[in-house]
Amino acid sequence: MSDYKRDYYFSIKLKPAPMPQWPPVVVADMLERIFPSSDV
């Protein structure tokens, strides 16, 4: 779960552009596609 928070934090740090208020589940799914973690 910490990896998700880290990737989410990094995504905000790298892309500080205003993002729509997506539900955490949608954001997590998007991050999984962008940053495929080792949670298989």
PDB file of N, CA and C in Angstrom:
ATOM      1  N   MET A   1       0.839  -1.200   0.000  1.00  0.00           N
ATOM      2  CA  MET A   1       0.000   0.000   0.000  1.00  0.00           C
ATOM      3  C   MET A   1       0.875   1.251   0.000  1.00  0.00           C
ATOM      4  N   SER A   2       2.063   1.137   0.575  1.00  0.00           N
ATOM      5  CA  SER A   2       2.957   2.300   0.620  1.00  0.00           C
ATOM      6  C   SER A   2       3.438   2.648  -0.790  1.00  0.00           C
ATOM      7  N   ASP A   3       3.597   1.610  -1.633  1.00  0.00           N
ATOM      8  CA  ASP A   3       4.028   1.862  -3.010  1.00  0.00           C
ATOM      9  C   ASP A   3       2.994   2.723  -3.735  1.00  0.00           C
ATOM     10  N   TYR A   4       1.722   2.455  -3.465  1.00  0.00           N
ATOM     11  CA  TYR A   4       0.652   3.239  -4.101  1.00  0.00           C
ATOM     12  C   TYR A   4       0.752   4.697  -3.674  1.00  0.00           C
ATOM     13  N   LYS A   5       0.966   4.909  -2.382  1.00  0.00           N
ATOM     14  CA  LYS A   5       1.082   6.282  -1.895  1.00  0.00           C
ATOM     15  C   LYS A   5       2.324   6.955  -2.463  1.00  0.00           C
ATOM     16  N   ARG A   6       3.413   6.185  -2.571  1.00  0.00           N
ATOM     17  CA  ARG A   6       4.650   6.755  -3.106  1.00  0.00           C
ATOM     18  C   ARG A   6       4.461   7.136  -4.579  1.00  0.00           C
ATOM     19  N   ASP A   7       3.859   6.245  -5.361  1.00  0.00           N
ATOM     20  CA  ASP A   7       3.646   6.546  -6.777  1.00  0.00           C
ATOM     21  C   ASP A   7       2.693   7.724  -6.936  1.00  0.00           C
ATOM     22  N   TYR A   8       1.676   7.778  -6.080  1.00  0.00           N
ATOM     23  CA  TYR A   8       0.716   8.878  -6.149  1.00  0.00           C
ATOM     24  C   TYR A   8       1.410  10.193  -5.816  1.00  0.00           C
ATOM     25  N   TYR A   9       2.274  10.155  -4.807  1.00  0.00           N
ATOM     26  CA  TYR A   9       3.018  11.349  -4.411  1.00  0.00           C
ATOM     27  C   TYR A   9       3.952  11.781  -5.522  1.00  0.00           C
ATOM     28  N   PHE A  10       4.623  10.795  -6.142  1.00  0.00           N
ATOM     29  CA  PHE A  10       5.549  11.106  -7.228  1.00  0.00           C
ATOM     30  C   PHE A  10       4.798  11.681  -8.421  1.00  0.00           C
ATOM     31  N   SER A  11       3.620  11.138  -8.716  1.00  0.00           N
ATOM     32  CA  SER A  11       2.854  11.619  -9.864  1.00  0.00           C
ATOM     33  C   SER A  11       2.458  13.072  -9.653  1.00  0.00           C
ATOM     34  N   ILE A  12       2.141  13.444  -8.413  1.00  0.00           N
ATOM     35  CA  ILE A  12       1.778  14.828  -8.125  1.00  0.00           C
ATOM     36  C   ILE A  12       3.020  15.713  -8.202  1.00  0.00           C
ATOM     37  N   LYS A  13       4.149  15.193  -7.711  1.00  0.00           N
ATOM     38  CA  LYS A  13       5.381  15.973  -7.715  1.00  0.00           C
ATOM     39  C   LYS A  13       5.856  16.210  -9.141  1.00  0.00           C
ATOM     40  N   LEU A  14       5.777  15.169  -9.986  1.00  0.00           N
ATOM     41  CA  LEU A  14       6.276  15.284 -11.350  1.00  0.00           C
ATOM     42  C   LEU A  14       5.300  16.056 -12.232  1.00  0.00           C
ATOM     43  N   LYS A  15       4.000  15.934 -11.933  1.00  0.00           N
ATOM     44  CA  LYS A  15       2.992  16.615 -12.742  1.00  0.00           C
ATOM     45  C   LYS A  15       2.115  17.461 -11.828  1.00  0.00           C
ATOM     46  N   PRO A  16       2.558  18.664 -11.466  1.00  0.00           N
ATOM     47  CA  PRO A  16       1.808  19.520 -10.555  1.00  0.00           C
ATOM     48  C   PRO A  16       0.617  20.189 -11.228  1.00  0.00           C
ATOM     49  N   ALA A  17       0.282  19.769 -12.435  1.00  0.00           N
ATOM     50  CA  ALA A  17      -0.868  20.362 -13.102  1.00  0.00           C
ATOM     51  C   ALA A  17      -2.147  20.004 -12.346  1.00  0.00           C
ATOM     52  N   PRO A  18      -3.140  20.891 -12.381  1.00  0.00           N
ATOM     53  CA  PRO A  18      -4.409  20.633 -11.682  1.00  0.00           C
ATOM     54  C   PRO A  18      -5.070  19.363 -12.198  1.00  0.00           C
ATOM     55  N   MET A  19      -5.283  18.423 -11.288  1.00  0.00           N
ATOM     56  CA  MET A  19      -5.922  17.167 -11.669  1.00  0.00           C
ATOM     57  C   MET A  19      -7.356  17.140 -11.160  1.00  0.00           C
ATOM     58  N   PRO A  20      -8.283  16.537 -11.921  1.00  0.00           N
ATOM     59  CA  PRO A  20      -9.666  16.409 -11.456  1.00  0.00           C
ATOM     60  C   PRO A  20      -9.740  15.535 -10.211  1.00  0.00           C
ATOM     61  N   GLN A  21     -10.743  15.754  -9.404  1.00  0.00           N
ATOM     62  CA  GLN A  21     -10.893  14.991  -8.162  1.00  0.00           C
ATOM     63  C   GLN A  21     -11.431  13.602  -8.471  1.00  0.00           C
ATOM     64  N   TRP A  22     -10.532  12.721  -8.907  1.00  0.00           N
ATOM     65  CA  TRP A  22     -10.939  11.353  -9.194  1.00  0.00           C
ATOM     66  C   TRP A  22     -10.983  10.542  -7.917  1.00  0.00           C
ATOM     67  N   PRO A  23     -11.841   9.528  -7.863  1.00  0.00           N
ATOM     68  CA  PRO A  23     -11.873   8.618  -6.705  1.00  0.00           C
ATOM     69  C   PRO A  23     -10.533   7.896  -6.585  1.00  0.00           C
ATOM     70  N   PRO A  24     -10.117   7.581  -5.359  1.00  0.00           N
ATOM     71  CA  PRO A  24      -8.838   6.896  -5.137  1.00  0.00           C
ATOM     72  C   PRO A  24      -8.722   5.601  -5.940  1.00  0.00           C
ATOM     73  N   VAL A  25      -9.852   4.921  -6.141  1.00  0.00           N
ATOM     74  CA  VAL A  25      -9.804   3.654  -6.884  1.00  0.00           C
ATOM     75  C   VAL A  25      -9.416   3.906  -8.334  1.00  0.00           C
ATOM     76  N   VAL A  26      -9.980   4.946  -8.918  1.00  0.00           N
ATOM     77  CA  VAL A  26      -9.671   5.267 -10.317  1.00  0.00           C
ATOM     78  C   VAL A  26      -8.214   5.708 -10.433  1.00  0.00           C
ATOM     79  N   VAL A  27      -7.767   6.504  -9.467  1.00  0.00           N
ATOM     80  CA  VAL A  27      -6.381   6.968  -9.479  1.00  0.00           C
ATOM     81  C   VAL A  27      -5.435   5.787  -9.324  1.00  0.00           C
ATOM     82  N   ALA A  28      -5.785   4.862  -8.431  1.00  0.00           N
ATOM     83  CA  ALA A  28      -4.938   3.691  -8.212  1.00  0.00           C
ATOM     84  C   ALA A  28      -4.864   2.857  -9.489  1.00  0.00           C
ATOM     85  N   ASP A  29      -6.000   2.696 -10.178  1.00  0.00           N
ATOM     86  CA  ASP A  29      -6.003   1.905 -11.414  1.00  0.00           C
ATOM     87  C   ASP A  29      -5.156   2.587 -12.474  1.00  0.00           C
ATOM     88  N   MET A  30      -5.262   3.910 -12.559  1.00  0.00           N
ATOM     89  CA  MET A  30      -4.467   4.654 -13.528  1.00  0.00           C
ATOM     90  C   MET A  30      -2.984   4.528 -13.219  1.00  0.00           C
ATOM     91  N   LEU A  31      -2.651   4.628 -11.940  1.00  0.00           N
ATOM     92  CA  LEU A  31      -1.251   4.536 -11.551  1.00  0.00           C
ATOM     93  C   LEU A  31      -0.713   3.131 -11.819  1.00  0.00           C
ATOM     94  N   GLU A  32      -1.554   2.118 -11.666  1.00  0.00           N
ATOM     95  CA  GLU A  32      -1.118   0.751 -11.938  1.00  0.00           C
ATOM     96  C   GLU A  32      -0.740   0.606 -13.411  1.00  0.00           C
ATOM     97  N   ARG A  33      -1.461   1.315 -14.286  1.00  0.00           N
ATOM     98  CA  ARG A  33      -1.143   1.239 -15.715  1.00  0.00           C
ATOM     99  C   ARG A  33       0.134   2.012 -16.009  1.00  0.00           C
ATOM    100  N   ILE A  34       0.322   3.144 -15.308  1.00  0.00           N
ATOM    101  CA  ILE A  34       1.509   3.971 -15.555  1.00  0.00           C
ATOM    102  C   ILE A  34       2.725   3.368 -14.859  1.00  0.00           C
ATOM    103  N   PHE A  35       2.546   3.020 -13.580  1.00  0.00           N
ATOM    104  CA  PHE A  35       3.647   2.444 -12.805  1.00  0.00           C
ATOM    105  C   PHE A  35       3.282   1.026 -12.384  1.00  0.00           C
ATOM    106  N   PRO A  36       3.451   0.040 -13.271  1.00  0.00           N
ATOM    107  CA  PRO A  36       3.130  -1.347 -12.905  1.00  0.00           C
ATOM    108  C   PRO A  36       3.995  -1.810 -11.741  1.00  0.00           C
ATOM    109  N   SER A  37       3.368  -1.951 -10.582  1.00  0.00           N
ATOM    110  CA  SER A  37       4.116  -2.360  -9.390  1.00  0.00           C
ATOM    111  C   SER A  37       4.267  -3.877  -9.367  1.00  0.00           C
ATOM    112  N   SER A  38       5.027  -4.362  -8.414  1.00  0.00           N
ATOM    113  CA  SER A  38       5.263  -5.804  -8.301  1.00  0.00           C
ATOM    114  C   SER A  38       4.209  -6.448  -7.422  1.00  0.00           C
ATOM    115  N   ASP A  39       2.967  -5.968  -7.520  1.00  0.00           N
ATOM    116  CA  ASP A  39       1.883  -6.504  -6.695  1.00  0.00           C
ATOM    117  C   ASP A  39       1.054  -7.451  -7.557  1.00  0.00           C
ATOM    118  N   VAL A  40       1.635  -8.584  -7.918  1.00  0.00           N
ATOM    119  CA  VAL A  40       0.958  -9.503  -8.827  1.00  0.00           C
ATOM    120  C   VAL A  40       0.327 -10.619  -8.029  1.00  0.00           C
TER     121      VAL A  40
END
